[in-house]
Protein backbone atom coordinates (compact mmCIF):
# COMPACT_ATOMS: atom_id res chain seq x y z
CA MET A 1 91.08 81.72 79.44
CA ASN A 2 92.24 81.82 75.76
CA GLU A 3 89.97 85.00 74.70
CA GLU A 4 91.57 86.66 78.16
CA ARG A 5 95.09 85.76 77.28
CA ASP A 6 94.59 87.09 73.47
CA LEU A 7 93.03 90.35 74.62
CA PHE A 8 95.94 90.75 77.04
CA GLU A 9 98.22 89.83 74.51
CA ARG A 10 97.16 92.23 72.18
CA TYR A 11 97.28 95.01 75.02
CA LEU A 12 100.67 94.31 75.62
CA ARG A 13 101.63 94.88 72.15
CA THR A 14 100.44 98.07 72.51
CA LYS A 15 102.84 99.16 75.00
CA ASP A 16 105.33 97.36 73.31
CA LEU A 17 105.52 94.31 75.82
CA LYS A 18 105.71 90.54 75.62
CA MET A 19 103.42 87.95 76.83
CA THR A 20 106.05 86.80 79.30
CA SER A 21 106.13 83.24 81.42
CA PRO A 22 105.65 85.10 84.64
CA ARG A 23 102.85 87.16 83.29
CA GLU A 24 101.11 84.32 81.93
CA THR A 25 101.12 82.88 85.15
CA VAL A 26 100.09 85.81 86.98
CA LEU A 27 96.99 85.90 84.43
CA GLN A 28 96.58 82.40 84.99
CA ALA A 29 96.43 82.66 88.67
CA PHE A 30 93.94 85.64 88.61
CA LEU A 31 91.43 84.27 86.19
CA ALA A 32 91.68 80.76 88.01
CA THR A 33 90.07 82.33 91.15
CA GLU A 34 86.57 84.30 91.10
CA GLY A 35 85.97 86.79 93.91
CA HIS A 36 87.55 89.61 95.44
CA LEU A 37 91.50 89.05 95.61
CA SER A 38 94.19 91.06 96.88
CA ALA A 39 97.48 91.13 95.46
CA GLU A 40 98.50 88.77 98.13
CA ASP A 41 95.98 86.37 97.35
CA VAL A 42 97.25 86.40 93.68
CA LEU A 43 100.55 86.12 94.76
CA ALA A 44 100.04 82.56 96.52
CA ALA A 45 98.22 81.38 93.67
CA ALA A 46 100.74 82.33 91.04
CA ARG A 47 103.48 80.55 93.37
CA ARG A 48 101.26 77.52 93.55
CA ILE A 49 102.02 77.33 89.40
CA ASP A 50 105.54 78.85 89.83
CA PRO A 51 107.16 79.04 93.32
CA GLY A 52 109.52 81.54 91.96
CA ILE A 53 106.64 84.41 90.98
CA GLY A 54 107.93 87.70 92.84
CA GLN A 55 105.89 89.72 94.62
CA ALA A 56 106.70 92.75 92.11
CA THR A 57 105.75 90.72 89.06
CA VAL A 58 102.19 90.33 90.44
CA PHE A 59 101.74 94.13 91.72
CA ARG A 60 103.27 95.02 87.78
CA THR A 61 100.92 92.27 86.32
CA LEU A 62 97.73 93.21 88.20
CA LYS A 63 98.31 96.88 86.76
CA LEU A 64 98.42 95.73 83.24
CA LEU A 65 95.64 93.44 83.61
CA GLN A 66 93.53 96.72 84.74
CA GLU A 67 94.86 98.31 82.01
CA ALA A 68 93.72 95.93 79.68
CA GLY A 69 90.18 95.64 80.93
CA LEU A 70 90.76 92.30 82.70
CA ALA A 71 90.57 93.43 86.41
CA ARG A 72 89.14 96.02 87.94
CA ASP A 73 89.31 97.54 91.92
CA ALA A 74 86.60 95.66 93.77
CA CYS A 75 86.45 98.74 96.16
CA ALA A 76 86.16 102.07 95.81
CA CYS A 77 87.89 102.75 98.65
CA THR A 78 90.97 100.69 100.41
CA ASP A 79 91.03 102.35 103.44
CA GLU A 80 89.99 99.12 105.27
CA GLY A 81 92.40 97.08 104.31
CA PRO A 82 94.56 95.96 101.34
CA ARG A 83 93.25 96.76 97.83
CA ARG A 84 91.30 94.15 96.06
CA TYR A 85 90.56 93.13 92.50
CA GLU A 86 87.90 91.16 90.71
CA HIS A 87 87.25 90.06 87.22
CA ALA A 88 86.16 92.77 84.42
CA TYR A 89 86.06 91.03 81.32
CA HIS A 90 82.51 89.17 80.38
CA HIS A 91 81.44 90.10 83.96
CA SER A 92 78.26 92.67 84.69
CA HIS A 93 78.35 95.52 86.58
CA HIS A 94 77.22 95.47 89.83
CA ASP A 95 77.94 97.48 93.23
CA HIS A 96 79.41 96.05 96.69
CA LEU A 97 78.33 96.28 100.18
CA LEU A 98 81.78 96.40 102.46
CA CYS A 99 81.75 95.35 106.29
CA ILE A 100 84.05 98.17 108.04
CA ARG A 101 84.52 95.64 111.07
CA CYS A 102 85.84 92.03 109.09
CA GLY A 103 86.49 93.43 105.60
CA LYS A 104 83.34 91.01 104.07
CA LEU A 105 82.34 92.02 100.42
CA VAL A 106 79.08 91.66 99.06
CA GLU A 107 77.88 91.97 95.06
CA PHE A 108 74.54 93.14 94.65
CA PHE A 109 72.73 94.80 91.79
CA ASP A 110 69.67 96.88 92.31
CA PRO A 111 67.93 98.38 89.40
CA ALA A 112 66.16 101.27 91.58
CA ILE A 113 69.53 102.16 92.42
CA GLU A 114 70.69 102.17 88.55
CA LYS A 115 68.04 104.41 87.70
CA ALA A 116 68.46 106.71 90.36
CA GLN A 117 72.47 106.92 89.29
CA GLU A 118 70.90 107.91 85.92
CA LYS A 119 68.72 110.57 87.04
CA VAL A 120 72.12 112.30 88.90
CA PHE A 121 74.01 111.97 85.86
CA LYS A 122 71.27 113.64 83.74
CA LYS A 123 70.56 116.56 86.38
CA TYR A 124 74.17 117.42 86.65
CA GLY A 125 74.90 117.22 82.82
CA PHE A 126 77.14 114.33 83.33
CA LYS A 127 77.49 111.74 80.40
CA ALA A 128 77.69 108.32 82.08
CA ILE A 129 80.91 106.36 81.46
CA GLY A 130 80.39 104.11 84.61
CA HIS A 131 80.56 103.90 88.31
CA MET A 132 81.62 102.42 91.14
CA MET A 133 79.17 102.38 94.28
CA GLU A 134 80.17 100.84 97.53
CA LEU A 135 77.95 100.89 100.52
CA LYS A 136 80.02 100.43 103.79
CA GLY A 137 78.27 99.05 107.33
CA LEU A 138 78.40 96.04 109.52
CA CYS A 139 77.58 92.72 108.43
CA ALA A 140 74.90 90.47 110.05
CA GLU A 141 77.69 88.55 111.83
CA CYS A 142 79.54 92.12 112.93
CA THR A 143 76.24 93.45 114.06
CA ASP A 144 75.38 90.50 116.42
CA ALA A 145 79.15 90.44 117.83
CA VAL A 146 78.90 94.19 118.80
CA ARG A 147 75.75 93.97 120.05
CA ASP A 148 76.83 90.93 122.25
CA SER A 149 80.20 92.29 123.22
CA LEU A 150 77.83 95.33 124.61
CA GLY A 151 75.69 92.81 126.18
CA LYS A 152 72.51 94.10 124.37
């Protein structure tokens, strides 16, 4: 966490902001949990450290964590529920499968898909900077539940 804290503090200085105790608490709460976290998840984790942390502080700090390169959106589209964040710093690139029924989010990496995306960038004359791919469907559990509800 020291490396991430240093990076965040350096970023804050570029914005003429300070590493306050509430920001440090949100950073600590975010970094302590792997996965795909909503702002509400981060708020709950931060309140376990400091019960006085407010929701607005969490939202503002998550935005700063994104700008600093420590957090990123876990989903390309947030139509299916609350925005979710994941660790960005020292975490390798991956794509996501999203269940549109229960919200389950699965990380995956497929070299064939990466290669196909490189071809698309090249075909349209784009310089690749990054991408976020999200495939939507029904997870196995939801597929079974839908099938069972239809009596099939």
